[in-house]
Amino acid sequence: MTDKKGKASNINSLTHEQGKILIIDDEIALRKSLKKMLERAGFYCETAFDYSSAQEAVENLNFDLILVDIILPEMNGLSLIAKLQDKIKISSAIIFVTGEPNLETAMQAIKLGAYDYLEKPTQRTVLIESIKRALLRRGYKLKVAGEEIQKTINLNSTIIKTEKYQMNEELKEEFQKCVNTIHNALLELKKKYGEELSTDQRLLLNQIAQSNGKLKKTLKKITE
């Protein structure tokens, strides 16, 4: 019978070009669905549903990436990852997912070294691209089956201004508030934690800032 150490060694050698992913979610149906989807894409996956099962998994195998839901019953995903980093000294890339995104948890995720922070439900292509980027940054060569090409959609103000898509004044104000909130939050993050942030965290903040800048320009065109 192969012991746990031998099994982990075999898995590590077999999945070097795939990426080993641990999925942590308390919903069994979602765990199974994500596992099946990511395995079809070419990744090796295991699942956990709380801290104890996650601890057992990471002690048996060195996962390249952990995909974790923030909202969990006993210990939230942020605290769970913080404890694994402290107790087990995991070095896995982290992607958080949540059905209730907010600035506070996003800031905590960044401080924990998150590669991404995604809103549930997450589209298949968005999730797989996020995982691929995280693993590629860590120097992995990936073989992903069934790769899909995502089209970039450029917003056109003349189309948005048609009667069907015309925004009312209230929506414009809410849109502007969101843009300003993100801008101010990014400034505050850089001011408070700028020196503590890693290169990847700074890159993530810059990507958010650039996207927010484009959104601001688009909003200006719409409201002119």
C-alpha atoms as a PDB file:
ATOM      1  CA  MET A   1       0.000   0.000   0.000  1.00  0.00           C
ATOM      2  CA  THR A   2       1.345   3.449  -0.931  1.00  0.00           C
ATOM      3  CA  ASP A   3       1.747   5.746   2.089  1.00  0.00           C
ATOM      4  CA  LYS A   4       0.626   9.394   2.067  1.00  0.00           C
ATOM      5  CA  LYS A   5       4.157  10.670   1.463  1.00  0.00           C
ATOM      6  CA  GLY A   6       4.617   8.344  -1.502  1.00  0.00           C
ATOM      7  CA  LYS A   7       1.226   9.276  -2.902  1.00  0.00           C
ATOM      8  CA  ALA A   8       2.032  12.987  -2.609  1.00  0.00           C
ATOM      9  CA  SER A   9       5.370  12.426  -4.353  1.00  0.00           C
ATOM     10  CA  ASN A  10       3.651  10.625  -7.240  1.00  0.00           C
ATOM     11  CA  ILE A  11       1.041  13.356  -7.582  1.00  0.00           C
ATOM     12  CA  ASN A  12       3.715  16.073  -7.517  1.00  0.00           C
ATOM     13  CA  SER A  13       5.604  14.420 -10.367  1.00  0.00           C
ATOM     14  CA  LEU A  14       2.507  13.678 -12.446  1.00  0.00           C
ATOM     15  CA  THR A  15       1.021  17.157 -12.154  1.00  0.00           C
ATOM     16  CA  HIS A  16       4.098  19.372 -12.504  1.00  0.00           C
ATOM     17  CA  GLU A  17       2.759  20.818 -15.762  1.00  0.00           C
ATOM     18  CA  GLN A  18      -0.880  20.878 -14.646  1.00  0.00           C
ATOM     19  CA  GLY A  19      -1.037  22.734 -11.380  1.00  0.00           C
ATOM     20  CA  LYS A  20      -2.378  21.190  -8.173  1.00  0.00           C
ATOM     21  CA  ILE A  21      -5.450  23.011  -6.838  1.00  0.00           C
ATOM     22  CA  LEU A  22      -7.223  22.758  -3.491  1.00  0.00           C
ATOM     23  CA  ILE A  23     -10.867  23.891  -3.553  1.00  0.00           C
ATOM     24  CA  ILE A  24     -12.270  24.981  -0.165  1.00  0.00           C
ATOM     25  CA  ASP A  25     -16.036  25.485  -0.016  1.00  0.00           C
ATOM     26  CA  ASP A  26     -18.715  24.309   2.402  1.00  0.00           C
ATOM     27  CA  GLU A  27     -21.254  23.593  -0.358  1.00  0.00           C
ATOM     28  CA  ILE A  28     -20.721  20.005  -1.486  1.00  0.00           C
ATOM     29  CA  ALA A  29     -22.470  20.460  -4.850  1.00  0.00           C
ATOM     30  CA  LEU A  30     -20.313  23.471  -5.684  1.00  0.00           C
ATOM     31  CA  ARG A  31     -17.124  21.678  -4.610  1.00  0.00           C
ATOM     32  CA  LYS A  32     -17.924  18.767  -6.898  1.00  0.00           C
ATOM     33  CA  SER A  33     -18.892  21.071  -9.768  1.00  0.00           C
ATOM     34  CA  LEU A  34     -15.689  23.143  -9.505  1.00  0.00           C
ATOM     35  CA  LYS A  35     -13.533  20.040  -9.177  1.00  0.00           C
ATOM     36  CA  LYS A  36     -15.082  18.461 -12.264  1.00  0.00           C
ATOM     37  CA  MET A  37     -14.781  21.681 -14.283  1.00  0.00           C
ATOM     38  CA  LEU A  38     -11.128  22.305 -13.374  1.00  0.00           C
ATOM     39  CA  GLU A  39     -10.137  18.679 -13.913  1.00  0.00           C
ATOM     40  CA  ARG A  40     -11.647  18.852 -17.390  1.00  0.00           C
ATOM     41  CA  ALA A  41      -9.492  21.922 -17.981  1.00  0.00           C
ATOM     42  CA  GLY A  42      -6.417  19.851 -17.155  1.00  0.00           C
ATOM     43  CA  PHE A  43      -5.735  20.658 -13.484  1.00  0.00           C
ATOM     44  CA  TYR A  44      -5.326  18.218 -10.601  1.00  0.00           C
ATOM     45  CA  CYS A  45      -7.871  19.037  -7.861  1.00  0.00           C
ATOM     46  CA  GLU A  46      -8.720  18.056  -4.310  1.00  0.00           C
ATOM     47  CA  THR A  47     -11.419  19.526  -2.080  1.00  0.00           C
ATOM     48  CA  ALA A  48     -11.940  20.587   1.542  1.00  0.00           C
ATOM     49  CA  PHE A  49     -14.874  22.109   3.401  1.00  0.00           C
ATOM     50  CA  ASP A  50     -13.372  23.622   6.589  1.00  0.00           C
ATOM     51  CA  TYR A  51     -10.053  24.328   8.331  1.00  0.00           C
ATOM     52  CA  SER A  52      -9.490  20.756   9.559  1.00  0.00           C
ATOM     53  CA  SER A  53     -10.009  19.159   6.147  1.00  0.00           C
ATOM     54  CA  ALA A  54      -7.932  21.895   4.491  1.00  0.00           C
ATOM     55  CA  GLN A  55      -5.122  21.396   7.005  1.00  0.00           C
ATOM     56  CA  GLU A  56      -5.070  17.661   6.326  1.00  0.00           C
ATOM     57  CA  ALA A  57      -4.968  18.273   2.580  1.00  0.00           C
ATOM     58  CA  VAL A  58      -2.059  20.771   2.638  1.00  0.00           C
ATOM     59  CA  GLU A  59      -0.082  18.595   5.050  1.00  0.00           C
ATOM     60  CA  ASN A  60      -0.330  15.715   2.562  1.00  0.00           C
ATOM     61  CA  LEU A  61       0.322  17.675  -0.632  1.00  0.00           C
ATOM     62  CA  ASN A  62       2.028  20.893  -1.668  1.00  0.00           C
ATOM     63  CA  PHE A  63      -0.722  22.636  -3.624  1.00  0.00           C
ATOM     64  CA  ASP A  64       0.231  25.240  -6.211  1.00  0.00           C
ATOM     65  CA  LEU A  65      -3.016  27.146  -5.711  1.00  0.00           C
ATOM     66  CA  ILE A  66      -5.859  27.311  -3.214  1.00  0.00           C
ATOM     67  CA  LEU A  67      -9.310  28.431  -4.357  1.00  0.00           C
ATOM     68  CA  VAL A  68     -11.276  29.385  -1.252  1.00  0.00           C
ATOM     69  CA  ASP A  69     -14.726  30.778  -0.537  1.00  0.00           C
ATOM     70  CA  ILE A  70     -14.658  33.666   1.948  1.00  0.00           C
ATOM     71  CA  ILE A  71     -18.032  32.825   3.489  1.00  0.00           C
ATOM     72  CA  LEU A  72     -17.669  29.581   5.466  1.00  0.00           C
ATOM     73  CA  PRO A  73     -19.712  28.470   8.524  1.00  0.00           C
ATOM     74  CA  GLU A  74     -17.168  28.057  11.356  1.00  0.00           C
ATOM     75  CA  MET A  75     -14.143  30.034  10.172  1.00  0.00           C
ATOM     76  CA  ASN A  76     -14.271  32.370   7.182  1.00  0.00           C
ATOM     77  CA  GLY A  77     -11.942  31.845   4.255  1.00  0.00           C
ATOM     78  CA  LEU A  78      -9.741  34.817   5.160  1.00  0.00           C
ATOM     79  CA  SER A  79      -9.099  33.525   8.694  1.00  0.00           C
ATOM     80  CA  LEU A  80      -8.642  29.989   7.364  1.00  0.00           C
ATOM     81  CA  ILE A  81      -5.911  31.041   4.936  1.00  0.00           C
ATOM     82  CA  ALA A  82      -4.239  33.252   7.559  1.00  0.00           C
ATOM     83  CA  LYS A  83      -4.119  30.268   9.944  1.00  0.00           C
ATOM     84  CA  LEU A  84      -2.733  27.924   7.272  1.00  0.00           C
ATOM     85  CA  GLN A  85      -0.049  30.478   6.427  1.00  0.00           C
ATOM     86  CA  ASP A  86       0.837  30.841  10.105  1.00  0.00           C
ATOM     87  CA  LYS A  87       0.647  27.201  11.223  1.00  0.00           C
ATOM     88  CA  ILE A  88       1.533  25.218   8.083  1.00  0.00           C
ATOM     89  CA  LYS A  89       3.582  27.927   6.322  1.00  0.00           C
ATOM     90  CA  ILE A  90       1.834  27.316   3.008  1.00  0.00           C
ATOM     91  CA  SER A  91       3.264  29.093  -0.036  1.00  0.00           C
ATOM     92  CA  SER A  92       0.356  28.346  -2.397  1.00  0.00           C
ATOM     93  CA  ALA A  93      -1.121  31.040  -4.616  1.00  0.00           C
ATOM     94  CA  ILE A  94      -4.500  32.128  -3.235  1.00  0.00           C
ATOM     95  CA  ILE A  95      -7.684  33.056  -5.094  1.00  0.00           C
ATOM     96  CA  PHE A  96     -10.665  34.132  -3.006  1.00  0.00           C
ATOM     97  CA  VAL A  97     -14.260  33.885  -4.217  1.00  0.00           C
ATOM     98  CA  THR A  98     -17.282  35.409  -2.520  1.00  0.00           C
ATOM     99  CA  GLY A  99     -20.973  35.963  -3.051  1.00  0.00           C
ATOM    100  CA  GLU A 100     -20.797  39.154  -0.997  1.00  0.00           C
ATOM    101  CA  PRO A 101     -17.856  41.229  -2.299  1.00  0.00           C
ATOM    102  CA  ASN A 102     -16.919  44.346  -0.349  1.00  0.00           C
ATOM    103  CA  LEU A 103     -13.952  46.637   0.151  1.00  0.00           C
ATOM    104  CA  GLU A 104     -13.072  45.346   3.623  1.00  0.00           C
ATOM    105  CA  THR A 105     -12.662  41.693   2.588  1.00  0.00           C
ATOM    106  CA  ALA A 106     -10.905  42.743  -0.631  1.00  0.00           C
ATOM    107  CA  MET A 107      -8.306  44.639   1.433  1.00  0.00           C
ATOM    108  CA  GLN A 108      -7.837  41.660   3.755  1.00  0.00           C
ATOM    109  CA  ALA A 109      -7.438  39.359   0.753  1.00  0.00           C
ATOM    110  CA  ILE A 110      -4.690  41.568  -0.688  1.00  0.00           C
ATOM    111  CA  LYS A 111      -2.860  41.634   2.665  1.00  0.00           C
ATOM    112  CA  LEU A 112      -2.929  37.817   2.685  1.00  0.00           C
ATOM    113  CA  GLY A 113      -1.236  37.783  -0.727  1.00  0.00           C
ATOM    114  CA  ALA A 114      -4.260  36.935  -2.863  1.00  0.00           C
ATOM    115  CA  TYR A 115      -3.669  36.655  -6.602  1.00  0.00           C
ATOM    116  CA  ASP A 116      -7.319  37.413  -7.293  1.00  0.00           C
ATOM    117  CA  TYR A 117     -10.658  38.207  -5.664  1.00  0.00           C
ATOM    118  CA  LEU A 118     -13.642  36.969  -7.667  1.00  0.00           C
ATOM    119  CA  GLU A 119     -17.375  37.413  -7.260  1.00  0.00           C
ATOM    120  CA  LYS A 120     -19.654  34.350  -7.245  1.00  0.00           C
ATOM    121  CA  PRO A 121     -21.019  32.990  -9.452  1.00  0.00           C
ATOM    122  CA  THR A 122     -17.807  33.101 -11.493  1.00  0.00           C
ATOM    123  CA  GLN A 123     -17.804  32.344 -15.210  1.00  0.00           C
ATOM    124  CA  ARG A 124     -15.778  29.291 -16.219  1.00  0.00           C
ATOM    125  CA  THR A 125     -13.443  31.189 -18.542  1.00  0.00           C
ATOM    126  CA  VAL A 126     -12.841  33.961 -15.991  1.00  0.00           C
ATOM    127  CA  LEU A 127     -11.940  31.465 -13.255  1.00  0.00           C
ATOM    128  CA  ILE A 128      -9.659  29.354 -15.445  1.00  0.00           C
ATOM    129  CA  GLU A 129      -7.863  32.434 -16.813  1.00  0.00           C
ATOM    130  CA  SER A 130      -7.334  33.705 -13.271  1.00  0.00           C
ATOM    131  CA  ILE A 131      -5.878  30.361 -12.186  1.00  0.00           C
ATOM    132  CA  LYS A 132      -3.637  30.194 -15.249  1.00  0.00           C
ATOM    133  CA  ARG A 133      -2.287  33.713 -14.626  1.00  0.00           C
ATOM    134  CA  ALA A 134      -1.574  32.917 -10.984  1.00  0.00           C
ATOM    135  CA  LEU A 135       0.301  29.726 -11.826  1.00  0.00           C
ATOM    136  CA  LEU A 136       2.186  31.244 -14.760  1.00  0.00           C
ATOM    137  CA  ARG A 137       3.439  34.026 -12.479  1.00  0.00           C
ATOM    138  CA  ARG A 138       4.857  31.299 -10.268  1.00  0.00           C
ATOM    139  CA  GLY A 139       6.840  29.909 -13.208  1.00  0.00           C
ATOM    140  CA  TYR A 140       4.684  26.930 -14.142  1.00  0.00           C
ATOM    141  CA  LYS A 141       4.196  25.619 -17.654  1.00  0.00           C
ATOM    142  CA  LEU A 142       0.557  24.728 -18.053  1.00  0.00           C
ATOM    143  CA  LYS A 143      -1.302  22.304 -20.284  1.00  0.00           C
ATOM    144  CA  VAL A 144      -4.942  23.309 -20.220  1.00  0.00           C
ATOM    145  CA  ALA A 145      -7.437  21.315 -22.282  1.00  0.00           C
ATOM    146  CA  GLY A 146     -10.393  22.915 -24.046  1.00  0.00           C
ATOM    147  CA  GLU A 147      -8.950  26.400 -23.922  1.00  0.00           C
ATOM    148  CA  GLU A 148     -11.450  29.074 -24.916  1.00  0.00           C
ATOM    149  CA  ILE A 149     -10.743  32.423 -26.562  1.00  0.00           C
ATOM    150  CA  GLN A 150     -12.289  35.368 -24.773  1.00  0.00           C
ATOM    151  CA  LYS A 151     -13.375  38.337 -26.884  1.00  0.00           C
ATOM    152  CA  THR A 152     -12.650  41.839 -25.669  1.00  0.00           C
ATOM    153  CA  ILE A 153     -15.713  44.077 -25.785  1.00  0.00           C
ATOM    154  CA  ASN A 154     -14.966  47.780 -26.204  1.00  0.00           C
ATOM    155  CA  LEU A 155     -17.706  50.047 -24.885  1.00  0.00           C
ATOM    156  CA  ASN A 156     -19.021  52.433 -27.488  1.00  0.00           C
ATOM    157  CA  SER A 157     -20.715  55.524 -26.093  1.00  0.00           C
ATOM    158  CA  THR A 158     -22.848  55.990 -29.220  1.00  0.00           C
ATOM    159  CA  ILE A 159     -24.335  52.539 -28.708  1.00  0.00           C
ATOM    160  CA  ILE A 160     -24.822  53.025 -24.974  1.00  0.00           C
ATOM    161  CA  LYS A 161     -26.622  56.305 -25.645  1.00  0.00           C
ATOM    162  CA  THR A 162     -29.346  54.658 -27.689  1.00  0.00           C
ATOM    163  CA  GLU A 163     -32.821  54.801 -26.205  1.00  0.00           C
ATOM    164  CA  LYS A 164     -32.679  51.180 -25.083  1.00  0.00           C
ATOM    165  CA  TYR A 165     -29.541  51.695 -22.981  1.00  0.00           C
ATOM    166  CA  GLN A 166     -29.937  55.299 -21.872  1.00  0.00           C
ATOM    167  CA  MET A 167     -28.958  55.669 -18.214  1.00  0.00           C
ATOM    168  CA  ASN A 168     -31.052  57.824 -15.935  1.00  0.00           C
ATOM    169  CA  GLU A 169     -29.555  60.489 -13.668  1.00  0.00           C
ATOM    170  CA  GLU A 170     -29.825  58.380 -10.530  1.00  0.00           C
ATOM    171  CA  LEU A 171     -27.875  55.520 -12.088  1.00  0.00           C
ATOM    172  CA  LYS A 172     -25.211  57.930 -13.337  1.00  0.00           C
ATOM    173  CA  GLU A 173     -24.734  59.245  -9.798  1.00  0.00           C
ATOM    174  CA  GLU A 174     -24.446  55.736  -8.341  1.00  0.00           C
ATOM    175  CA  PHE A 175     -21.982  54.774 -11.068  1.00  0.00           C
ATOM    176  CA  GLN A 176     -19.847  57.829 -10.292  1.00  0.00           C
ATOM    177  CA  LYS A 177     -19.913  57.075  -6.552  1.00  0.00           C
ATOM    178  CA  CYS A 178     -18.627  53.546  -7.189  1.00  0.00           C
ATOM    179  CA  VAL A 179     -15.788  54.827  -9.372  1.00  0.00           C
ATOM    180  CA  ASN A 180     -14.802  57.409  -6.735  1.00  0.00           C
ATOM    181  CA  THR A 181     -14.985  54.855  -3.901  1.00  0.00           C
ATOM    182  CA  ILE A 182     -12.665  52.455  -5.724  1.00  0.00           C
ATOM    183  CA  HIS A 183     -10.254  55.289  -6.534  1.00  0.00           C
ATOM    184  CA  ASN A 184     -10.126  56.486  -2.912  1.00  0.00           C
ATOM    185  CA  ALA A 185      -9.785  52.940  -1.576  1.00  0.00           C
ATOM    186  CA  LEU A 186      -6.811  52.264  -3.861  1.00  0.00           C
ATOM    187  CA  LEU A 187      -5.110  55.467  -2.698  1.00  0.00           C
ATOM    188  CA  GLU A 188      -5.698  54.500   0.928  1.00  0.00           C
ATOM    189  CA  LEU A 189      -4.325  50.990   0.343  1.00  0.00           C
ATOM    190  CA  LYS A 190      -1.144  52.315  -1.249  1.00  0.00           C
ATOM    191  CA  LYS A 191      -0.748  54.918   1.500  1.00  0.00           C
ATOM    192  CA  LYS A 192      -1.191  52.463   4.394  1.00  0.00           C
ATOM    193  CA  TYR A 193       0.356  49.284   3.015  1.00  0.00           C
ATOM    194  CA  GLY A 194       2.477  50.437   0.072  1.00  0.00           C
ATOM    195  CA  GLU A 195       5.796  49.293   1.536  1.00  0.00           C
ATOM    196  CA  GLU A 196       4.374  45.953   2.702  1.00  0.00           C
ATOM    197  CA  LEU A 197       2.871  44.933  -0.644  1.00  0.00           C
ATOM    198  CA  SER A 198       4.630  42.363  -2.820  1.00  0.00           C
ATOM    199  CA  THR A 199       5.294  42.838  -6.529  1.00  0.00           C
ATOM    200  CA  ASP A 200       2.246  40.719  -7.440  1.00  0.00           C
ATOM    201  CA  GLN A 201       0.023  42.650  -5.021  1.00  0.00           C
ATOM    202  CA  ARG A 202       1.177  45.955  -6.517  1.00  0.00           C
ATOM    203  CA  LEU A 203       0.470  44.548  -9.984  1.00  0.00           C
ATOM    204  CA  LEU A 204      -3.054  43.581  -8.915  1.00  0.00           C
ATOM    205  CA  LEU A 205      -3.665  47.063  -7.476  1.00  0.00           C
ATOM    206  CA  ASN A 206      -2.369  48.674 -10.663  1.00  0.00           C
ATOM    207  CA  GLN A 207      -4.677  46.497 -12.779  1.00  0.00           C
ATOM    208  CA  ILE A 208      -7.646  47.566 -10.654  1.00  0.00           C
ATOM    209  CA  ALA A 209      -6.563  51.213 -10.919  1.00  0.00           C
ATOM    210  CA  GLN A 210      -6.202  51.000 -14.707  1.00  0.00           C
ATOM    211  CA  SER A 211      -9.614  49.345 -15.072  1.00  0.00           C
ATOM    212  CA  ASN A 212     -11.169  51.970 -12.831  1.00  0.00           C
ATOM    213  CA  GLY A 213      -9.515  54.713 -14.911  1.00  0.00           C
ATOM    214  CA  LYS A 214     -10.993  53.289 -18.115  1.00  0.00           C
ATOM    215  CA  LEU A 215     -14.366  53.037 -16.401  1.00  0.00           C
ATOM    216  CA  LYS A 216     -14.118  56.682 -15.354  1.00  0.00           C
ATOM    217  CA  LYS A 217     -13.348  57.777 -18.932  1.00  0.00           C
ATOM    218  CA  THR A 218     -16.250  55.708 -20.272  1.00  0.00           C
ATOM    219  CA  LEU A 219     -18.588  57.236 -17.704  1.00  0.00           C
ATOM    220  CA  LYS A 220     -17.447  60.712 -18.723  1.00  0.00           C
ATOM    221  CA  LYS A 221     -18.246  59.970 -22.357  1.00  0.00           C
ATOM    222  CA  ILE A 222     -21.682  58.627 -21.450  1.00  0.00           C
ATOM    223  CA  THR A 223     -22.603  61.623 -19.317  1.00  0.00           C
ATOM    224  CA  GLU A 224     -21.367  64.307 -21.723  1.00  0.00           C
END
